[in-house]
Protein backbone atom coordinates (compact mmCIF):
# COMPACT_ATOMS: atom_id res chain seq x y z
CA MET A 1 103.33 119.02 80.74
CA ILE A 2 101.33 118.25 83.96
CA TYR A 3 103.84 118.01 87.39
CA SER A 4 101.71 118.12 89.88
CA LEU A 5 97.95 119.32 90.87
CA THR A 6 96.93 120.83 94.47
CA GLY A 7 93.44 121.77 95.04
CA LYS A 8 90.33 120.42 96.86
CA VAL A 9 88.99 116.59 96.58
CA ILE A 10 85.58 117.41 95.83
CA LEU A 11 84.42 113.46 94.35
CA LYS A 12 86.58 110.24 95.48
CA GLU A 13 85.62 106.75 94.20
CA ASP A 14 87.64 103.38 94.16
CA ASN A 15 90.23 103.75 92.20
CA PHE A 16 90.03 107.77 91.29
CA VAL A 17 89.51 111.51 92.77
CA VAL A 18 88.30 114.45 91.36
CA LEU A 19 90.97 117.46 92.12
CA GLU A 20 89.50 121.17 92.09
CA THR A 21 92.16 123.23 91.12
CA VAL A 22 91.34 126.87 89.92
CA GLY A 23 87.96 126.26 89.03
CA ILE A 24 88.69 123.06 86.94
CA GLY A 25 87.97 119.49 88.24
CA PHE A 26 90.37 116.86 87.63
CA LYS A 27 90.08 113.51 87.29
CA VAL A 28 93.10 111.89 88.54
CA SER A 29 93.34 108.13 89.02
CA VAL A 30 95.34 106.65 92.28
CA PRO A 31 96.28 103.50 93.80
CA LYS A 32 94.50 101.77 96.18
CA PHE A 33 96.89 102.76 99.15
CA SER A 34 97.07 106.57 98.47
CA GLN A 35 92.86 106.64 99.10
CA LYS A 36 93.26 106.88 102.90
CA ASP A 37 95.34 110.27 102.61
CA LEU A 38 93.14 111.78 100.34
CA ILE A 39 89.74 113.25 102.07
CA LYS A 40 86.75 114.90 100.31
CA GLY A 41 86.72 118.34 101.32
CA LYS A 42 90.24 118.59 101.91
CA ARG A 43 93.59 119.93 100.04
CA ALA A 44 95.27 117.41 98.39
CA THR A 45 98.58 117.55 96.32
CA LEU A 46 98.88 115.17 93.88
CA PHE A 47 102.38 114.44 91.80
CA CYS A 48 100.86 113.47 88.30
CA PHE A 49 101.45 111.24 85.35
CA LEU A 50 99.96 112.50 82.25
CA TYR A 51 99.07 109.66 79.44
CA GLN A 52 98.92 111.85 76.60
CA GLU A 53 97.38 109.17 74.20
CA ASN A 54 94.21 109.39 76.38
CA MET A 55 94.53 112.43 78.41
CA GLU A 56 94.61 110.69 81.46
CA ILE A 57 96.04 111.46 84.69
CA TYR A 58 97.67 109.21 87.35
CA GLY A 59 98.24 110.82 90.78
CA PHE A 60 100.41 109.59 93.40
CA ILE A 61 101.19 111.33 97.03
CA ASN A 62 104.77 111.34 97.06
CA HIS A 63 107.48 111.95 94.24
CA GLN A 64 109.02 108.62 94.46
CA ASP A 65 105.86 106.50 93.85
CA LEU A 66 105.56 108.60 90.77
CA GLU A 67 108.99 108.12 89.69
CA LEU A 68 108.34 104.33 90.14
CA PHE A 69 105.03 104.66 88.04
CA GLY A 70 107.02 106.13 85.06
CA LEU A 71 109.95 103.23 85.20
CA LEU A 72 106.89 100.82 84.97
CA ASN A 73 105.73 102.70 82.11
CA THR A 74 108.67 102.25 80.09
CA ILE A 75 108.60 98.66 80.16
CA SER A 76 107.32 97.14 76.53
CA GLY A 77 103.90 95.83 77.28
CA ILE A 78 103.16 97.98 80.44
CA GLY A 79 101.16 101.01 79.98
CA PRO A 80 99.54 102.86 82.69
CA LYS A 81 96.62 100.97 83.53
CA MET A 82 98.75 97.97 84.17
CA ALA A 83 101.28 100.10 86.04
CA LEU A 84 98.53 101.02 88.40
CA LYS A 85 97.15 97.36 88.55
CA ILE A 86 100.75 96.19 89.61
CA ILE A 87 101.45 99.22 91.95
CA ASN A 88 97.79 98.56 93.72
CA GLY A 89 99.22 94.43 93.97
CA LEU A 90 102.00 95.77 95.59
CA SER A 91 102.89 99.27 97.29
CA PRO A 92 105.57 101.19 95.46
CA GLN A 93 108.04 99.87 98.66
CA LYS A 94 107.27 96.59 98.42
CA LEU A 95 107.29 96.37 94.71
CA SER A 96 110.87 97.77 94.95
CA LEU A 97 111.95 95.64 97.60
CA ALA A 98 110.65 92.56 95.47
CA ILE A 99 112.33 93.67 92.28
CA LEU A 100 115.93 94.46 94.49
CA SER A 101 115.64 91.06 95.86
CA ASP A 102 114.41 89.17 92.48
CA LYS A 103 110.98 88.06 93.76
CA SER A 104 109.49 87.56 90.59
CA ASP A 105 107.14 84.99 92.32
CA ILE A 106 105.65 87.48 94.67
CA ILE A 107 105.18 90.28 91.89
CA SER A 108 103.30 87.54 89.80
CA LYS A 109 101.10 86.67 92.58
CA LYS A 110 100.49 90.11 94.39
CA CYS A 111 100.12 91.63 91.20
CA GLY A 112 98.50 89.55 88.82
CA VAL A 113 101.04 89.42 86.29
CA SER A 114 102.60 86.65 84.51
CA SER A 115 105.64 84.88 85.52
CA LYS A 116 107.22 86.24 82.22
CA THR A 117 106.52 89.86 83.12
CA ALA A 118 107.57 89.63 86.54
CA SER A 119 110.64 88.48 85.54
CA ARG A 120 110.86 91.22 82.53
CA ILE A 121 110.22 94.03 85.53
CA ILE A 122 113.14 92.89 87.87
CA ILE A 123 115.48 92.71 84.68
CA GLU A 124 114.77 96.09 83.27
CA LEU A 125 114.11 98.16 86.31
CA LYS A 126 116.94 96.75 88.97
CA GLU A 127 119.72 98.95 87.93
CA LYS A 128 117.16 101.96 87.41
CA ILE A 129 116.14 101.46 90.80
CA LYS A 130 119.36 101.11 92.54
CA LYS A 131 120.69 104.30 90.43
CA GLN A 132 117.54 106.35 91.82
CA ASN A 133 118.60 105.29 95.57
CA PHE A 134 115.10 103.62 96.17
CA LYS A 135 114.94 103.03 100.17
CA PRO A 136 112.30 100.16 100.31
CA GLU A 137 112.17 99.34 103.82
CA GLY A 138 110.12 96.33 105.63
CA ASP A 139 110.19 92.74 104.36
CA ILE A 140 108.19 91.70 101.25
CA ILE A 141 108.33 87.85 102.65
CA ASP A 142 106.30 88.83 105.49
CA ASP A 143 102.92 89.84 104.30
CA THR A 144 103.12 86.84 101.57
CA ASP A 145 103.98 84.21 103.85
CA LEU A 146 101.25 85.76 106.17
CA GLU A 147 98.43 85.57 103.84
CA ASP A 148 99.28 82.25 103.09
CA VAL A 149 98.90 80.97 106.70
CA LEU A 150 95.71 82.95 107.10
CA MET A 151 94.49 81.59 103.95
CA GLY A 152 95.72 78.00 104.87
CA LEU A 153 93.99 78.09 108.21
CA GLY A 154 90.69 78.69 106.01
CA TYR A 155 90.12 81.94 106.08
CA LYS A 156 88.73 83.72 103.04
CA LYS A 157 91.17 86.05 100.63
CA ARG A 158 89.14 89.22 101.14
CA GLU A 159 88.90 88.84 105.28
CA VAL A 160 92.54 87.81 104.85
CA GLU A 161 93.85 91.15 103.08
CA TYR A 162 91.17 93.34 105.07
CA VAL A 163 93.16 92.07 108.51
CA ILE A 164 96.37 92.38 106.73
CA SER A 165 95.91 95.96 105.89
CA LYS A 166 94.36 97.00 109.86
CA LEU A 167 97.94 95.49 110.92
CA SER A 168 99.93 98.04 113.23
CA PRO A 169 102.90 99.01 111.17
CA LYS A 170 105.04 98.48 114.33
CA THR A 171 104.55 94.76 114.16
CA GLU A 172 107.45 93.45 112.51
CA LYS A 173 107.64 90.04 113.06
CA LEU A 174 105.77 87.26 111.20
CA SER A 175 104.66 85.31 114.54
CA GLU A 176 103.54 88.71 116.08
CA LYS A 177 101.63 89.62 112.83
CA ILE A 178 99.96 86.10 112.82
CA LYS A 179 98.74 86.38 116.41
CA GLU A 180 97.49 90.11 115.56
CA SER A 181 95.90 89.19 112.77
CA LEU A 182 94.10 85.74 114.30
CA LYS A 183 92.61 88.34 117.13
CA MET A 184 90.99 90.10 114.65
CA LEU A 185 89.75 87.33 112.23
CA ALA A 186 88.23 85.72 115.85
CA LYS A 187 85.88 88.73 116.06
CA PRO A 188 82.97 89.76 113.25
CA ILE A 189 84.16 91.28 110.24
CA ARG A 190 81.63 94.01 108.96
CA HIS A 191 83.54 96.15 106.62
CA ILE A 192 84.32 94.05 103.73
């Protein structure tokens, strides 16, 4: 069983990287939020989940993200591809917080799963997350509320998601996030 891979990133695509180690290039599916930490030509270590049925490798920057991904895969009907989709919708920190806060509506909306699946995630993982001492930080409500406010003002979803991803992590209050977002949205956005 592969637990981790360390090597040079030789190829970087939207949803995977190729990590070369001991002369072998491993294709590793990674979540979107890890992309910024994986730089082509640089060494990286990924904690891995091997899906033996299709011989697919899923990699994460830290062990806690891997654990949450593994927990998602214990739920009937959720395989690695759906688990990665869920983690791409909400980072592991925010997903853990949503689960612990019983926010099935946020999981459903942000991760693109049915409300039934979102509820099942909460029911099956809440106690496991508590036992494993996940320590999620932040406020899951802020980004969802911020997205709703900005889209309510007529901005497109792509613009809003881009601006939210660029917000300073030091900005914590919703009112401050709105001000910072509006400043960015007032300028032309060319990168989306």
